[in-house]
């Protein structure tokens, strides 16, 4: 499964089969997170794998009582070591880069899971202090997202997404920026190779037309010549 197919097929699943997830697949999912980019390659994230049923139940309780989470046989809690990112980027690193880094890693893991035939759900609603306490985190370590992972026991309808024309602007937000009303036309306008190919095709057609016209003109002259020749003989 290529990445675009994984993106299109991914859904937020909240019902899971009572089937364990193979550990080699968990390893591949974690590796997708490990290979994700981070600010300055600081790699401030860490991944906590939770498989213990009792601990999963407590985490679900701390996640604003989202008890459906317990069905998933594996949780991956993505955390950030604030001191590590703060050391390099100060307050901006703590308040922005740490969140971005963990979000990228979590998304990579979700897509890896999808490619392996597994389903996931991103859980961002939880009591942070309770999660820290349950997992033994110090104050300078912050949970960012919990991923539930397992084999889906539902196939919900795809959720609605705005069309590209609704959410995309060209060359800015205000001022001279404009909405893209026709993506096909814009792609064409910016597709130099595509335009070159089409131009070449048109040139070939023009040459074929000229050649055909010349052949017809030449054939007409030959016919006329032989016609006149026959008349002279008579």
C-alpha atoms as a PDB file:
ATOM      1  CA  UNK A   1       0.000   0.000   0.000  1.00  0.00           C
ATOM      2  CA  UNK A   2       1.507   3.341  -1.007  1.00  0.00           C
ATOM      3  CA  UNK A   3       1.302   6.387   1.227  1.00  0.00           C
ATOM      4  CA  UNK A   4      -1.518   8.118  -0.682  1.00  0.00           C
ATOM      5  CA  UNK A   5      -3.654   4.991  -0.483  1.00  0.00           C
ATOM      6  CA  UNK A   6      -2.969   4.753   3.272  1.00  0.00           C
ATOM      7  CA  UNK A   7      -4.000   8.386   3.725  1.00  0.00           C
ATOM      8  CA  UNK A   8      -7.238   7.827   1.799  1.00  0.00           C
ATOM      9  CA  UNK A   9      -8.135   4.603   3.625  1.00  0.00           C
ATOM     10  CA  UNK A  10      -7.289   5.734   7.158  1.00  0.00           C
ATOM     11  CA  UNK A  11     -10.288   6.235   9.440  1.00  0.00           C
ATOM     12  CA  UNK A  12     -10.678   6.912  13.147  1.00  0.00           C
ATOM     13  CA  UNK A  13     -11.703   3.513  14.530  1.00  0.00           C
ATOM     14  CA  UNK A  14     -13.357   3.155  17.932  1.00  0.00           C
ATOM     15  CA  UNK A  15     -14.370  -0.510  17.783  1.00  0.00           C
ATOM     16  CA  UNK A  16     -11.714  -3.218  17.725  1.00  0.00           C
ATOM     17  CA  UNK A  17     -11.666  -6.992  17.409  1.00  0.00           C
ATOM     18  CA  UNK A  18     -10.470  -8.994  20.403  1.00  0.00           C
ATOM     19  CA  UNK A  19      -7.349  -9.982  18.475  1.00  0.00           C
ATOM     20  CA  UNK A  20      -3.789  -9.267  19.611  1.00  0.00           C
ATOM     21  CA  UNK A  21      -1.504  -7.168  17.425  1.00  0.00           C
ATOM     22  CA  UNK A  22       1.653  -8.943  16.281  1.00  0.00           C
ATOM     23  CA  UNK A  23       4.725  -7.502  17.971  1.00  0.00           C
ATOM     24  CA  UNK A  24       6.670  -7.250  14.736  1.00  0.00           C
ATOM     25  CA  UNK A  25       3.953  -4.929  13.409  1.00  0.00           C
ATOM     26  CA  UNK A  26       4.152  -2.824  16.567  1.00  0.00           C
ATOM     27  CA  UNK A  27       7.895  -2.568  15.956  1.00  0.00           C
ATOM     28  CA  UNK A  28       7.379  -1.373  12.386  1.00  0.00           C
ATOM     29  CA  UNK A  29       4.880   1.230  13.560  1.00  0.00           C
ATOM     30  CA  UNK A  30       7.290   2.510  16.196  1.00  0.00           C
ATOM     31  CA  UNK A  31      10.071   2.632  13.625  1.00  0.00           C
ATOM     32  CA  UNK A  32       7.916   4.865  11.415  1.00  0.00           C
ATOM     33  CA  UNK A  33       7.740   7.271  14.352  1.00  0.00           C
ATOM     34  CA  UNK A  34      11.481   7.027  14.925  1.00  0.00           C
ATOM     35  CA  UNK A  35      12.183   7.965  11.312  1.00  0.00           C
ATOM     36  CA  UNK A  36       9.964  11.057  11.436  1.00  0.00           C
ATOM     37  CA  UNK A  37      11.496  14.538  11.168  1.00  0.00           C
ATOM     38  CA  UNK A  38      11.839  16.776  14.205  1.00  0.00           C
ATOM     39  CA  UNK A  39      12.974  20.356  14.799  1.00  0.00           C
ATOM     40  CA  UNK A  40      16.750  20.454  14.404  1.00  0.00           C
ATOM     41  CA  UNK A  41      16.683  16.638  14.515  1.00  0.00           C
ATOM     42  CA  UNK A  42      16.453  16.967  18.310  1.00  0.00           C
ATOM     43  CA  UNK A  43      14.140  13.913  18.430  1.00  0.00           C
ATOM     44  CA  UNK A  44      12.493  15.087  21.626  1.00  0.00           C
ATOM     45  CA  UNK A  45       9.713  12.492  21.415  1.00  0.00           C
ATOM     46  CA  UNK A  46       9.497   9.164  23.204  1.00  0.00           C
ATOM     47  CA  UNK A  47       6.969   6.383  22.666  1.00  0.00           C
ATOM     48  CA  UNK A  48       5.358   4.407  25.493  1.00  0.00           C
ATOM     49  CA  UNK A  49       3.704   1.147  24.408  1.00  0.00           C
ATOM     50  CA  UNK A  50       0.854   0.101  26.681  1.00  0.00           C
ATOM     51  CA  UNK A  51      -0.540  -3.436  26.445  1.00  0.00           C
ATOM     52  CA  UNK A  52      -1.550  -4.153  30.045  1.00  0.00           C
ATOM     53  CA  UNK A  53      -5.394  -4.342  30.203  1.00  0.00           C
ATOM     54  CA  UNK A  54      -5.609  -2.755  33.638  1.00  0.00           C
ATOM     55  CA  UNK A  55      -3.409   0.158  32.631  1.00  0.00           C
ATOM     56  CA  UNK A  56      -5.326   0.623  29.382  1.00  0.00           C
ATOM     57  CA  UNK A  57      -8.536   0.850  31.411  1.00  0.00           C
ATOM     58  CA  UNK A  58      -7.071   3.530  33.672  1.00  0.00           C
ATOM     59  CA  UNK A  59      -5.788   5.495  30.668  1.00  0.00           C
ATOM     60  CA  UNK A  60      -9.256   5.317  29.085  1.00  0.00           C
ATOM     61  CA  UNK A  61     -10.695   6.631  32.374  1.00  0.00           C
ATOM     62  CA  UNK A  62      -8.154   9.475  32.363  1.00  0.00           C
ATOM     63  CA  UNK A  63      -9.075  10.201  28.737  1.00  0.00           C
ATOM     64  CA  UNK A  64     -12.376  11.779  29.789  1.00  0.00           C
ATOM     65  CA  UNK A  65     -13.945   8.349  30.288  1.00  0.00           C
ATOM     66  CA  UNK A  66     -13.551   7.206  26.674  1.00  0.00           C
ATOM     67  CA  UNK A  67     -14.050   3.561  27.600  1.00  0.00           C
ATOM     68  CA  UNK A  68     -14.149   2.401  23.995  1.00  0.00           C
ATOM     69  CA  UNK A  69     -10.360   2.765  24.055  1.00  0.00           C
ATOM     70  CA  UNK A  70     -10.022  -0.366  26.194  1.00  0.00           C
ATOM     71  CA  UNK A  71     -10.971  -2.544  23.215  1.00  0.00           C
ATOM     72  CA  UNK A  72      -7.739  -1.641  21.413  1.00  0.00           C
ATOM     73  CA  UNK A  73      -5.041  -4.136  22.430  1.00  0.00           C
ATOM     74  CA  UNK A  74      -2.224  -1.608  22.051  1.00  0.00           C
ATOM     75  CA  UNK A  75      -1.825   2.044  23.011  1.00  0.00           C
ATOM     76  CA  UNK A  76       1.141   4.149  21.959  1.00  0.00           C
ATOM     77  CA  UNK A  77       1.501   7.253  24.085  1.00  0.00           C
ATOM     78  CA  UNK A  78       3.621   9.868  22.336  1.00  0.00           C
ATOM     79  CA  UNK A  79       5.404  12.099  24.825  1.00  0.00           C
ATOM     80  CA  UNK A  80       7.897  14.939  24.608  1.00  0.00           C
ATOM     81  CA  UNK A  81      10.910  15.671  26.790  1.00  0.00           C
ATOM     82  CA  UNK A  82      10.461  19.395  27.253  1.00  0.00           C
ATOM     83  CA  UNK A  83      13.921  20.115  28.616  1.00  0.00           C
ATOM     84  CA  UNK A  84      15.516  18.633  25.525  1.00  0.00           C
ATOM     85  CA  UNK A  85      13.587  20.813  23.072  1.00  0.00           C
ATOM     86  CA  UNK A  86      13.704  23.865  25.376  1.00  0.00           C
ATOM     87  CA  UNK A  87      17.490  23.654  25.537  1.00  0.00           C
ATOM     88  CA  UNK A  88      17.726  24.190  21.778  1.00  0.00           C
ATOM     89  CA  UNK A  89      14.749  26.436  21.032  1.00  0.00           C
ATOM     90  CA  UNK A  90      13.589  27.997  24.285  1.00  0.00           C
ATOM     91  CA  UNK A  91       9.930  28.806  24.855  1.00  0.00           C
ATOM     92  CA  UNK A  92       9.021  28.460  21.163  1.00  0.00           C
ATOM     93  CA  UNK A  93      10.438  24.949  21.162  1.00  0.00           C
ATOM     94  CA  UNK A  94       8.413  24.012  24.231  1.00  0.00           C
ATOM     95  CA  UNK A  95       5.140  25.562  23.052  1.00  0.00           C
ATOM     96  CA  UNK A  96       5.293  24.809  19.330  1.00  0.00           C
ATOM     97  CA  UNK A  97       8.083  22.549  18.077  1.00  0.00           C
ATOM     98  CA  UNK A  98       7.449  19.890  20.724  1.00  0.00           C
ATOM     99  CA  UNK A  99       3.821  19.639  19.633  1.00  0.00           C
ATOM    100  CA  UNK A 100       4.727  19.609  15.939  1.00  0.00           C
ATOM    101  CA  UNK A 101       7.384  16.938  16.380  1.00  0.00           C
ATOM    102  CA  UNK A 102       5.048  14.596  18.246  1.00  0.00           C
ATOM    103  CA  UNK A 103       2.206  15.226  15.774  1.00  0.00           C
ATOM    104  CA  UNK A 104       4.435  14.303  12.835  1.00  0.00           C
ATOM    105  CA  UNK A 105       5.650  11.136  14.566  1.00  0.00           C
ATOM    106  CA  UNK A 106       2.110  10.111  15.539  1.00  0.00           C
ATOM    107  CA  UNK A 107       0.829  10.668  11.995  1.00  0.00           C
ATOM    108  CA  UNK A 108       3.678   8.585  10.550  1.00  0.00           C
ATOM    109  CA  UNK A 109       2.792   5.766  12.938  1.00  0.00           C
ATOM    110  CA  UNK A 110      -0.906   5.942  12.026  1.00  0.00           C
ATOM    111  CA  UNK A 111      -0.114   5.625   8.322  1.00  0.00           C
ATOM    112  CA  UNK A 112       2.329   2.785   8.974  1.00  0.00           C
ATOM    113  CA  UNK A 113      -0.377   0.971  10.942  1.00  0.00           C
ATOM    114  CA  UNK A 114      -2.838   1.464   8.082  1.00  0.00           C
ATOM    115  CA  UNK A 115      -0.353   0.022   5.590  1.00  0.00           C
ATOM    116  CA  UNK A 116      -0.016  -3.065   7.822  1.00  0.00           C
ATOM    117  CA  UNK A 117      -3.755  -3.717   7.887  1.00  0.00           C
ATOM    118  CA  UNK A 118      -4.284  -2.175  11.327  1.00  0.00           C
ATOM    119  CA  UNK A 119      -6.517   0.678  12.410  1.00  0.00           C
ATOM    120  CA  UNK A 120      -5.943   3.574  14.768  1.00  0.00           C
ATOM    121  CA  UNK A 121      -7.555   6.502  16.493  1.00  0.00           C
ATOM    122  CA  UNK A 122      -5.888   9.713  17.614  1.00  0.00           C
ATOM    123  CA  UNK A 123      -6.856  10.587  21.190  1.00  0.00           C
ATOM    124  CA  UNK A 124      -5.953  14.088  22.308  1.00  0.00           C
ATOM    125  CA  UNK A 125      -8.576  14.581  25.031  1.00  0.00           C
ATOM    126  CA  UNK A 126      -7.169  13.439  28.377  1.00  0.00           C
ATOM    127  CA  UNK A 127      -6.288  14.682  31.842  1.00  0.00           C
ATOM    128  CA  UNK A 128      -2.610  15.370  31.379  1.00  0.00           C
ATOM    129  CA  UNK A 129      -1.695  15.114  35.062  1.00  0.00           C
ATOM    130  CA  UNK A 130      -3.437  11.743  35.404  1.00  0.00           C
ATOM    131  CA  UNK A 131      -1.621  10.322  32.376  1.00  0.00           C
ATOM    132  CA  UNK A 132       1.693  11.589  33.740  1.00  0.00           C
ATOM    133  CA  UNK A 133       1.000   9.916  37.070  1.00  0.00           C
ATOM    134  CA  UNK A 134      -0.191   6.622  35.561  1.00  0.00           C
ATOM    135  CA  UNK A 135       2.914   6.320  33.386  1.00  0.00           C
ATOM    136  CA  UNK A 136       5.411   7.674  35.918  1.00  0.00           C
ATOM    137  CA  UNK A 137       6.382  10.803  34.003  1.00  0.00           C
ATOM    138  CA  UNK A 138       8.282  13.647  35.704  1.00  0.00           C
ATOM    139  CA  UNK A 139       7.049  17.232  35.346  1.00  0.00           C
ATOM    140  CA  UNK A 140       9.342  17.998  32.416  1.00  0.00           C
ATOM    141  CA  UNK A 141       7.852  15.171  30.318  1.00  0.00           C
ATOM    142  CA  UNK A 142       4.528  15.880  28.663  1.00  0.00           C
ATOM    143  CA  UNK A 143       2.061  13.493  26.963  1.00  0.00           C
ATOM    144  CA  UNK A 144       0.963  14.826  23.586  1.00  0.00           C
ATOM    145  CA  UNK A 145      -1.213  12.134  22.016  1.00  0.00           C
ATOM    146  CA  UNK A 146      -2.458   8.606  22.629  1.00  0.00           C
ATOM    147  CA  UNK A 147      -2.853   6.275  19.650  1.00  0.00           C
ATOM    148  CA  UNK A 148      -5.157   3.278  19.952  1.00  0.00           C
ATOM    149  CA  UNK A 149      -4.084   0.449  17.659  1.00  0.00           C
ATOM    150  CA  UNK A 150      -5.775  -2.804  16.675  1.00  0.00           C
ATOM    151  CA  UNK A 151      -7.831  -4.662  14.081  1.00  0.00           C
ATOM    152  CA  UNK A 152     -11.015  -2.794  13.201  1.00  0.00           C
ATOM    153  CA  UNK A 153     -14.434  -4.148  14.138  1.00  0.00           C
ATOM    154  CA  UNK A 154     -16.247  -1.427  12.195  1.00  0.00           C
ATOM    155  CA  UNK A 155     -16.098   0.243   8.806  1.00  0.00           C
ATOM    156  CA  UNK A 156     -17.535   3.736   9.219  1.00  0.00           C
ATOM    157  CA  UNK A 157     -18.439   5.909   6.269  1.00  0.00           C
ATOM    158  CA  UNK A 158     -15.698   8.357   5.272  1.00  0.00           C
ATOM    159  CA  UNK A 159     -16.108  11.712   6.968  1.00  0.00           C
ATOM    160  CA  UNK A 160     -16.706  14.765   4.793  1.00  0.00           C
ATOM    161  CA  UNK A 161     -13.710  16.823   3.732  1.00  0.00           C
ATOM    162  CA  UNK A 162     -13.873  20.239   2.105  1.00  0.00           C
ATOM    163  CA  UNK A 163     -12.801  20.262  -1.561  1.00  0.00           C
ATOM    164  CA  UNK A 164      -9.365  21.671  -2.347  1.00  0.00           C
ATOM    165  CA  UNK A 165     -10.889  24.760  -3.944  1.00  0.00           C
ATOM    166  CA  UNK A 166     -12.504  25.621  -0.593  1.00  0.00           C
ATOM    167  CA  UNK A 167      -9.358  25.480   1.532  1.00  0.00           C
ATOM    168  CA  UNK A 168      -6.518  26.488  -0.803  1.00  0.00           C
ATOM    169  CA  UNK A 169      -5.239  29.997  -1.507  1.00  0.00           C
ATOM    170  CA  UNK A 170      -2.585  31.031  -4.004  1.00  0.00           C
ATOM    171  CA  UNK A 171       0.377  33.217  -3.020  1.00  0.00           C
ATOM    172  CA  UNK A 172      -0.883  34.340   0.390  1.00  0.00           C
ATOM    173  CA  UNK A 173      -3.999  34.916   2.475  1.00  0.00           C
ATOM    174  CA  UNK A 174      -5.004  38.526   1.937  1.00  0.00           C
ATOM    175  CA  UNK A 175      -4.076  41.262  -0.502  1.00  0.00           C
ATOM    176  CA  UNK A 176      -3.289  39.752  -3.883  1.00  0.00           C
ATOM    177  CA  UNK A 177      -4.059  36.207  -2.738  1.00  0.00           C
ATOM    178  CA  UNK A 178      -6.925  34.470  -4.432  1.00  0.00           C
ATOM    179  CA  UNK A 179      -8.847  31.253  -4.035  1.00  0.00           C
ATOM    180  CA  UNK A 180      -8.192  28.543  -6.550  1.00  0.00           C
ATOM    181  CA  UNK A 181     -11.521  27.938  -8.268  1.00  0.00           C
ATOM    182  CA  UNK A 182     -10.333  25.410 -10.826  1.00  0.00           C
ATOM    183  CA  UNK A 183      -7.496  23.164  -9.652  1.00  0.00           C
ATOM    184  CA  UNK A 184      -7.236  21.484 -13.038  1.00  0.00           C
ATOM    185  CA  UNK A 185      -6.537  24.814 -14.730  1.00  0.00           C
ATOM    186  CA  UNK A 186      -4.016  25.903 -12.077  1.00  0.00           C
ATOM    187  CA  UNK A 187      -2.185  22.599 -12.276  1.00  0.00           C
ATOM    188  CA  UNK A 188      -2.106  23.030 -16.038  1.00  0.00           C
ATOM    189  CA  UNK A 189      -0.839  26.606 -15.827  1.00  0.00           C
ATOM    190  CA  UNK A 190       1.997  25.500 -13.530  1.00  0.00           C
ATOM    191  CA  UNK A 191       2.749  22.269 -15.334  1.00  0.00           C
ATOM    192  CA  UNK A 192       5.619  23.264 -17.616  1.00  0.00           C
ATOM    193  CA  UNK A 193       6.357  19.712 -18.700  1.00  0.00           C
ATOM    194  CA  UNK A 194       2.698  19.057 -19.410  1.00  0.00           C
ATOM    195  CA  UNK A 195       2.415  22.201 -21.502  1.00  0.00           C
ATOM    196  CA  UNK A 196       5.581  21.274 -23.389  1.00  0.00           C
ATOM    197  CA  UNK A 197       4.179  17.835 -24.181  1.00  0.00           C
ATOM    198  CA  UNK A 198       0.896  19.296 -25.371  1.00  0.00           C
ATOM    199  CA  UNK A 199       2.744  21.888 -27.437  1.00  0.00           C
ATOM    200  CA  UNK A 200       4.808  19.129 -29.048  1.00  0.00           C
ATOM    201  CA  UNK A 201       1.662  17.142 -29.818  1.00  0.00           C
ATOM    202  CA  UNK A 202       0.113  20.223 -31.425  1.00  0.00           C
ATOM    203  CA  UNK A 203       3.261  20.813 -33.495  1.00  0.00           C
ATOM    204  CA  UNK A 204       3.229  17.215 -34.701  1.00  0.00           C
ATOM    205  CA  UNK A 205      -0.428  17.547 -35.668  1.00  0.00           C
ATOM    206  CA  UNK A 206       0.322  20.795 -37.515  1.00  0.00           C
ATOM    207  CA  UNK A 207       3.173  19.114 -39.397  1.00  0.00           C
ATOM    208  CA  UNK A 208       0.945  16.167 -40.256  1.00  0.00           C
ATOM    209  CA  UNK A 209      -1.720  18.545 -41.552  1.00  0.00           C
ATOM    210  CA  UNK A 210       0.762  20.504 -43.670  1.00  0.00           C
ATOM    211  CA  UNK A 211       2.261  17.277 -44.980  1.00  0.00           C
ATOM    212  CA  UNK A 212      -1.176  15.900 -45.800  1.00  0.00           C
ATOM    213  CA  UNK A 213      -2.142  19.102 -47.594  1.00  0.00           C
ATOM    214  CA  UNK A 214       1.108  19.072 -49.575  1.00  0.00           C
ATOM    215  CA  UNK A 215       0.577  15.422 -50.545  1.00  0.00           C
ATOM    216  CA  UNK A 216      -2.941  16.205 -51.700  1.00  0.00           C
ATOM    217  CA  UNK A 217      -1.688  19.225 -53.668  1.00  0.00           C
ATOM    218  CA  UNK A 218       1.067  17.151 -55.270  1.00  0.00           C
ATOM    219  CA  UNK A 219      -1.340  14.328 -56.094  1.00  0.00           C
ATOM    220  CA  UNK A 220      -3.753  16.813 -57.632  1.00  0.00           C
ATOM    221  CA  UNK A 221      -0.978  18.229 -59.846  1.00  0.00           C
ATOM    222  CA  UNK A 222       0.027  14.755 -61.046  1.00  0.00           C
ATOM    223  CA  UNK A 223      -3.573  13.882 -61.892  1.00  0.00           C
ATOM    224  CA  UNK A 224      -3.957  17.149 -63.741  1.00  0.00           C
ATOM    225  CA  UNK A 225      -0.719  16.542 -65.682  1.00  0.00           C
ATOM    226  CA  UNK A 226      -1.797  13.078 -66.848  1.00  0.00           C
ATOM    227  CA  UNK A 227      -5.266  14.351 -67.670  1.00  0.00           C
ATOM    228  CA  UNK A 228      -3.801  17.066 -69.941  1.00  0.00           C
ATOM    229  CA  UNK A 229      -1.416  14.551 -71.463  1.00  0.00           C
ATOM    230  CA  UNK A 230      -4.312  12.262 -72.401  1.00  0.00           C
ATOM    231  CA  UNK A 231      -6.160  15.194 -74.023  1.00  0.00           C
ATOM    232  CA  UNK A 232      -3.118  16.095 -76.184  1.00  0.00           C
ATOM    233  CA  UNK A 233      -2.830  12.525 -77.473  1.00  0.00           C
ATOM    234  CA  UNK A 234      -6.454  12.634 -78.570  1.00  0.00           C
END
